[in-house]
Amino acid sequence: MKAIEILNDEHRIIEQGLGVLENVTRRVVEGEPMPPGKLEELLDFFANYADKIHHGKEERLLVPQMEDRCGGRYLCPHNELLDRMEQEHKEGRALIARMGETWTRLPKEPRAKDEFVAASRNYTHMLRGHIRMEEEDLFPEMENLLSDYDRSLTEAYERQEREEIGEGVPEKYHRTVEELAKELSGG
C-alpha cells in the first residue's frame, strides 16, 4: 500500500469517528443520556488515533520527507498547506482538550453544555475541512514529489506503529470507533 493511501484510509476511520461525535452532540443538545464512559472513549480515539497515530505520521514522517525533497520547507511550492496542516493539528488538540474539560463540568454546570456543543461542532467542521484540504490539495502534490520515497515512507509508518505506538493499537482504535458507531449512532 502506498504511503498516501494509508493516510487516506485512516481518514475514513477518523470520519467514522466524526459521525459518532456528531450524533453524540445531537444527543447532548436534545438532552438524551449518554452511556457512562463512551464520550471518554471517543475523545481517547481522537487524541490517540487521529492525533498521535495519524497526525504523528504526517508531522514526524511525511513532512520531513517533503522538506528534504524540496531542500527546505519554504522551498516547497505548497509550504502554506504544510503550515495550515500543522496549525489545524494544533487547533484540533485544543478542541479535543476543550471537549473533555467541558464534558467533565457538564453535570454541575449547565452552561458547559453549550461550550461542549460549540467545541464539538468546531472540531467536526475543522477536521472535515482539514481532511478535504489534505486529500484534494496537499496529498496529490506530495504523492508526485515523493513517489521515489514511497517504500521508505511506508516502512517508516510501520516502524512508528510497531516501536512508538505499539502493535495492534491502531486496530484497537478501529474496533473502538466501530463499536461506538454501533452503540451511539445506531450503525
C-alpha atoms as a PDB file:
ATOM      1  CA  MET A   1       0.000   0.000   0.000  1.00  0.00           C
ATOM      2  CA  LYS A   2       1.251   3.459  -0.841  1.00  0.00           C
ATOM      3  CA  ALA A   3       2.054   5.930   1.937  1.00  0.00           C
ATOM      4  CA  ILE A   4      -0.658   8.419   0.915  1.00  0.00           C
ATOM      5  CA  GLU A   5      -3.234   5.615   0.591  1.00  0.00           C
ATOM      6  CA  ILE A   6      -2.522   4.642   4.204  1.00  0.00           C
ATOM      7  CA  LEU A   7      -3.258   8.206   5.335  1.00  0.00           C
ATOM      8  CA  ASN A   8      -6.426   8.347   3.226  1.00  0.00           C
ATOM      9  CA  ASP A   9      -7.601   5.034   4.708  1.00  0.00           C
ATOM     10  CA  GLU A  10      -7.020   6.468   8.181  1.00  0.00           C
ATOM     11  CA  HIS A  11      -9.118   9.473   7.166  1.00  0.00           C
ATOM     12  CA  ARG A  12     -12.082   7.139   6.544  1.00  0.00           C
ATOM     13  CA  ILE A  13     -11.773   5.793  10.093  1.00  0.00           C
ATOM     14  CA  ILE A  14     -11.477   9.326  11.512  1.00  0.00           C
ATOM     15  CA  GLU A  15     -14.558  10.381   9.531  1.00  0.00           C
ATOM     16  CA  GLN A  16     -16.447   7.478  11.091  1.00  0.00           C
ATOM     17  CA  GLY A  17     -15.444   8.848  14.488  1.00  0.00           C
ATOM     18  CA  LEU A  18     -16.631  12.314  13.444  1.00  0.00           C
ATOM     19  CA  GLY A  19     -20.011  10.817  12.545  1.00  0.00           C
ATOM     20  CA  VAL A  20     -20.222   9.362  16.045  1.00  0.00           C
ATOM     21  CA  LEU A  21     -19.255  12.740  17.537  1.00  0.00           C
ATOM     22  CA  GLU A  22     -21.988  14.462  15.528  1.00  0.00           C
ATOM     23  CA  ASN A  23     -24.523  12.005  16.909  1.00  0.00           C
ATOM     24  CA  VAL A  24     -23.223  12.444  20.449  1.00  0.00           C
ATOM     25  CA  THR A  25     -23.521  16.220  20.036  1.00  0.00           C
ATOM     26  CA  ARG A  26     -27.104  15.855  18.831  1.00  0.00           C
ATOM     27  CA  ARG A  27     -27.876  13.708  21.870  1.00  0.00           C
ATOM     28  CA  VAL A  28     -26.346  16.302  24.200  1.00  0.00           C
ATOM     29  CA  VAL A  29     -28.355  19.105  22.557  1.00  0.00           C
ATOM     30  CA  GLU A  30     -31.565  17.075  22.895  1.00  0.00           C
ATOM     31  CA  GLY A  31     -30.814  16.144  26.500  1.00  0.00           C
ATOM     32  CA  GLU A  32     -30.539  12.415  25.831  1.00  0.00           C
ATOM     33  CA  PRO A  33     -28.444  10.479  28.347  1.00  0.00           C
ATOM     34  CA  MET A  34     -25.045   9.162  27.321  1.00  0.00           C
ATOM     35  CA  PRO A  35     -23.838   5.736  28.417  1.00  0.00           C
ATOM     36  CA  PRO A  36     -21.075   6.213  31.014  1.00  0.00           C
ATOM     37  CA  GLY A  37     -17.563   6.349  29.633  1.00  0.00           C
ATOM     38  CA  LYS A  38     -18.499   6.397  25.953  1.00  0.00           C
ATOM     39  CA  LEU A  39     -17.611  10.013  25.248  1.00  0.00           C
ATOM     40  CA  GLU A  40     -14.311   9.498  27.035  1.00  0.00           C
ATOM     41  CA  GLU A  41     -13.619   6.543  24.715  1.00  0.00           C
ATOM     42  CA  LEU A  42     -14.418   8.691  21.708  1.00  0.00           C
ATOM     43  CA  LEU A  43     -12.166  11.521  22.887  1.00  0.00           C
ATOM     44  CA  ASP A  44      -9.419   8.956  23.510  1.00  0.00           C
ATOM     45  CA  PHE A  45      -9.872   7.793  19.908  1.00  0.00           C
ATOM     46  CA  PHE A  46      -9.433  11.348  18.617  1.00  0.00           C
ATOM     47  CA  ALA A  47      -6.479  12.120  20.912  1.00  0.00           C
ATOM     48  CA  ASN A  48      -4.619   8.904  20.188  1.00  0.00           C
ATOM     49  CA  TYR A  49      -5.711   7.573  16.819  1.00  0.00           C
ATOM     50  CA  ALA A  50      -6.481  10.793  14.928  1.00  0.00           C
ATOM     51  CA  ASP A  51      -3.778  12.887  16.551  1.00  0.00           C
ATOM     52  CA  LYS A  52      -0.963  10.741  17.918  1.00  0.00           C
ATOM     53  CA  ILE A  53      -1.043   7.997  15.283  1.00  0.00           C
ATOM     54  CA  HIS A  54      -2.360   9.702  12.143  1.00  0.00           C
ATOM     55  CA  HIS A  55      -1.118  13.264  12.626  1.00  0.00           C
ATOM     56  CA  GLY A  56       2.106  11.824  14.033  1.00  0.00           C
ATOM     57  CA  LYS A  57       2.755  10.140  10.685  1.00  0.00           C
ATOM     58  CA  GLU A  58       2.129  13.383   8.868  1.00  0.00           C
ATOM     59  CA  GLU A  59       4.178  15.642  11.148  1.00  0.00           C
ATOM     60  CA  ARG A  60       7.080  13.364  12.032  1.00  0.00           C
ATOM     61  CA  LEU A  61       7.457  11.314   8.865  1.00  0.00           C
ATOM     62  CA  LEU A  62       5.698  12.799   5.838  1.00  0.00           C
ATOM     63  CA  VAL A  63       6.526  16.493   6.304  1.00  0.00           C
ATOM     64  CA  PRO A  64      10.255  15.903   6.933  1.00  0.00           C
ATOM     65  CA  GLN A  65      10.418  13.816   3.741  1.00  0.00           C
ATOM     66  CA  MET A  66       8.753  16.661   1.842  1.00  0.00           C
ATOM     67  CA  GLU A  67      11.113  19.234   3.284  1.00  0.00           C
ATOM     68  CA  ASP A  68      14.082  17.039   2.411  1.00  0.00           C
ATOM     69  CA  ARG A  69      12.823  16.520  -1.112  1.00  0.00           C
ATOM     70  CA  CYS A  70      12.276  20.265  -1.639  1.00  0.00           C
ATOM     71  CA  GLY A  71      15.514  21.343   0.019  1.00  0.00           C
ATOM     72  CA  GLY A  72      13.646  23.010   2.901  1.00  0.00           C
ATOM     73  CA  ARG A  73      10.064  23.777   3.830  1.00  0.00           C
ATOM     74  CA  TYR A  74       9.876  27.196   2.305  1.00  0.00           C
ATOM     75  CA  LEU A  75      11.264  25.930  -0.973  1.00  0.00           C
ATOM     76  CA  CYS A  76       8.278  23.576  -1.290  1.00  0.00           C
ATOM     77  CA  PRO A  77       5.684  25.017  -3.682  1.00  0.00           C
ATOM     78  CA  HIS A  78       2.901  24.167  -1.215  1.00  0.00           C
ATOM     79  CA  ASN A  79       4.524  25.234   2.073  1.00  0.00           C
ATOM     80  CA  GLU A  80       1.427  27.246   3.030  1.00  0.00           C
ATOM     81  CA  LEU A  81      -0.563  23.990   3.010  1.00  0.00           C
ATOM     82  CA  LEU A  82       2.011  22.361   5.291  1.00  0.00           C
ATOM     83  CA  ASP A  83       1.721  25.331   7.652  1.00  0.00           C
ATOM     84  CA  ARG A  84      -2.083  25.114   7.553  1.00  0.00           C
ATOM     85  CA  MET A  85      -1.980  21.368   8.199  1.00  0.00           C
ATOM     86  CA  GLU A  86       0.186  21.772  11.283  1.00  0.00           C
ATOM     87  CA  GLN A  87      -1.865  24.715  12.584  1.00  0.00           C
ATOM     88  CA  GLU A  88      -5.069  22.695  12.239  1.00  0.00           C
ATOM     89  CA  HIS A  89      -3.457  19.784  14.085  1.00  0.00           C
ATOM     90  CA  LYS A  90      -2.751  22.170  16.991  1.00  0.00           C
ATOM     91  CA  GLU A  91      -6.281  23.549  16.818  1.00  0.00           C
ATOM     92  CA  GLY A  92      -7.663  20.008  16.909  1.00  0.00           C
ATOM     93  CA  ARG A  93      -5.639  19.175  20.030  1.00  0.00           C
ATOM     94  CA  ALA A  94      -7.021  22.240  21.776  1.00  0.00           C
ATOM     95  CA  LEU A  95     -10.601  21.381  20.796  1.00  0.00           C
ATOM     96  CA  ILE A  96     -10.241  17.779  21.990  1.00  0.00           C
ATOM     97  CA  ALA A  97      -8.993  19.108  25.334  1.00  0.00           C
ATOM     98  CA  ARG A  98     -11.865  21.614  25.428  1.00  0.00           C
ATOM     99  CA  MET A  99     -14.461  18.901  24.784  1.00  0.00           C
ATOM    100  CA  GLY A 100     -13.006  16.792  27.587  1.00  0.00           C
ATOM    101  CA  GLU A 101     -12.859  19.689  30.008  1.00  0.00           C
ATOM    102  CA  THR A 102     -16.405  20.867  29.325  1.00  0.00           C
ATOM    103  CA  TRP A 103     -17.750  17.301  29.460  1.00  0.00           C
ATOM    104  CA  THR A 104     -16.421  16.858  32.991  1.00  0.00           C
ATOM    105  CA  ARG A 105     -18.118  20.113  34.069  1.00  0.00           C
ATOM    106  CA  LEU A 106     -21.418  19.282  32.386  1.00  0.00           C
ATOM    107  CA  PRO A 107     -23.131  17.566  35.348  1.00  0.00           C
ATOM    108  CA  LYS A 108     -22.538  20.587  37.618  1.00  0.00           C
ATOM    109  CA  GLU A 109     -22.619  23.488  35.172  1.00  0.00           C
ATOM    110  CA  PRO A 110     -25.483  23.701  32.681  1.00  0.00           C
ATOM    111  CA  ARG A 111     -23.560  26.339  30.730  1.00  0.00           C
ATOM    112  CA  ALA A 112     -20.888  23.732  29.945  1.00  0.00           C
ATOM    113  CA  LYS A 113     -23.385  22.077  27.582  1.00  0.00           C
ATOM    114  CA  ASP A 114     -23.204  24.992  25.143  1.00  0.00           C
ATOM    115  CA  GLU A 115     -19.420  25.069  25.443  1.00  0.00           C
ATOM    116  CA  PHE A 116     -19.179  21.333  24.728  1.00  0.00           C
ATOM    117  CA  VAL A 117     -21.517  21.610  21.745  1.00  0.00           C
ATOM    118  CA  ALA A 118     -19.516  24.534  20.324  1.00  0.00           C
ATOM    119  CA  ALA A 119     -16.178  22.729  20.753  1.00  0.00           C
ATOM    120  CA  SER A 120     -17.603  19.546  19.235  1.00  0.00           C
ATOM    121  CA  ARG A 121     -19.082  21.305  16.233  1.00  0.00           C
ATOM    122  CA  ASN A 122     -15.923  23.358  15.702  1.00  0.00           C
ATOM    123  CA  TYR A 123     -13.783  20.216  15.855  1.00  0.00           C
ATOM    124  CA  THR A 124     -16.008  18.314  13.435  1.00  0.00           C
ATOM    125  CA  HIS A 125     -16.162  21.209  10.976  1.00  0.00           C
ATOM    126  CA  MET A 126     -12.438  21.918  11.189  1.00  0.00           C
ATOM    127  CA  LEU A 127     -11.386  18.283  10.829  1.00  0.00           C
ATOM    128  CA  ARG A 128     -13.695  17.568   7.892  1.00  0.00           C
ATOM    129  CA  GLY A 129     -12.273  20.609   6.084  1.00  0.00           C
ATOM    130  CA  HIS A 130      -8.762  19.569   7.067  1.00  0.00           C
ATOM    131  CA  ILE A 131      -9.235  16.102   5.564  1.00  0.00           C
ATOM    132  CA  ARG A 132     -10.669  17.622   2.384  1.00  0.00           C
ATOM    133  CA  MET A 133      -7.706  20.018   2.070  1.00  0.00           C
ATOM    134  CA  GLU A 134      -5.204  17.208   2.531  1.00  0.00           C
ATOM    135  CA  GLU A 135      -6.865  14.842   0.080  1.00  0.00           C
ATOM    136  CA  GLU A 136      -7.705  17.390  -2.620  1.00  0.00           C
ATOM    137  CA  ASP A 137      -4.751  19.767  -2.428  1.00  0.00           C
ATOM    138  CA  LEU A 138      -1.813  18.614  -0.319  1.00  0.00           C
ATOM    139  CA  PHE A 139      -1.588  14.858  -0.792  1.00  0.00           C
ATOM    140  CA  PRO A 140      -1.734  14.831  -4.612  1.00  0.00           C
ATOM    141  CA  GLU A 141       1.207  17.230  -4.694  1.00  0.00           C
ATOM    142  CA  MET A 142       3.077  15.217  -2.078  1.00  0.00           C
ATOM    143  CA  GLU A 143       2.450  11.978  -3.909  1.00  0.00           C
ATOM    144  CA  ASN A 144       4.048  13.404  -7.057  1.00  0.00           C
ATOM    145  CA  LEU A 145       7.119  14.659  -5.198  1.00  0.00           C
ATOM    146  CA  LEU A 146       7.554  11.577  -3.007  1.00  0.00           C
ATOM    147  CA  SER A 147       6.984   8.766  -5.474  1.00  0.00           C
ATOM    148  CA  ASP A 148      10.580   7.526  -5.135  1.00  0.00           C
ATOM    149  CA  TYR A 149      10.392   7.741  -1.312  1.00  0.00           C
ATOM    150  CA  ASP A 150       7.101   5.844  -1.044  1.00  0.00           C
ATOM    151  CA  ARG A 151       8.512   2.496   0.052  1.00  0.00           C
ATOM    152  CA  SER A 152      10.742   4.009   2.749  1.00  0.00           C
ATOM    153  CA  LEU A 153       7.901   6.196   3.976  1.00  0.00           C
ATOM    154  CA  THR A 154       5.535   3.238   4.187  1.00  0.00           C
ATOM    155  CA  GLU A 155       8.186   1.311   6.129  1.00  0.00           C
ATOM    156  CA  ALA A 156       8.637   4.307   8.442  1.00  0.00           C
ATOM    157  CA  TYR A 157       4.868   4.312   9.137  1.00  0.00           C
ATOM    158  CA  GLU A 158       5.018   0.627  10.029  1.00  0.00           C
ATOM    159  CA  ARG A 159       8.090   1.134  12.225  1.00  0.00           C
ATOM    160  CA  GLN A 160       6.397   4.050  14.024  1.00  0.00           C
ATOM    161  CA  GLU A 161       3.350   1.929  14.790  1.00  0.00           C
ATOM    162  CA  ARG A 162       5.461  -1.006  15.948  1.00  0.00           C
ATOM    163  CA  GLU A 163       8.035   0.904  18.020  1.00  0.00           C
ATOM    164  CA  GLU A 164       6.245   4.030  19.249  1.00  0.00           C
ATOM    165  CA  ILE A 165       2.545   3.240  19.207  1.00  0.00           C
ATOM    166  CA  GLY A 166       2.527  -0.497  19.817  1.00  0.00           C
ATOM    167  CA  GLU A 167       1.482  -3.388  17.635  1.00  0.00           C
ATOM    168  CA  GLY A 168      -2.254  -3.753  17.399  1.00  0.00           C
ATOM    169  CA  VAL A 169      -3.016  -0.310  18.862  1.00  0.00           C
ATOM    170  CA  PRO A 170      -4.328   1.229  15.610  1.00  0.00           C
ATOM    171  CA  GLU A 171      -6.551  -1.807  15.092  1.00  0.00           C
ATOM    172  CA  LYS A 172      -7.836  -1.434  18.659  1.00  0.00           C
ATOM    173  CA  TYR A 173      -8.945   2.093  17.794  1.00  0.00           C
ATOM    174  CA  HIS A 174     -10.578   0.870  14.571  1.00  0.00           C
ATOM    175  CA  ARG A 175     -12.649  -1.553  16.665  1.00  0.00           C
ATOM    176  CA  THR A 176     -13.389   1.121  19.274  1.00  0.00           C
ATOM    177  CA  VAL A 177     -14.816   3.567  16.750  1.00  0.00           C
ATOM    178  CA  GLU A 178     -16.839   0.812  15.047  1.00  0.00           C
ATOM    179  CA  GLU A 179     -18.309  -0.243  18.407  1.00  0.00           C
ATOM    180  CA  LEU A 180     -19.052   3.360  19.348  1.00  0.00           C
ATOM    181  CA  ALA A 181     -20.727   3.909  15.990  1.00  0.00           C
ATOM    182  CA  LYS A 182     -22.989   0.925  16.634  1.00  0.00           C
ATOM    183  CA  GLU A 183     -23.771   1.947  20.196  1.00  0.00           C
ATOM    184  CA  LEU A 184     -24.182   5.686  19.745  1.00  0.00           C
ATOM    185  CA  SER A 185     -25.216   6.121  16.137  1.00  0.00           C
ATOM    186  CA  GLY A 186     -27.350   3.098  15.536  1.00  0.00           C
ATOM    187  CA  GLY A 187     -24.968   1.783  12.886  1.00  0.00           C
END
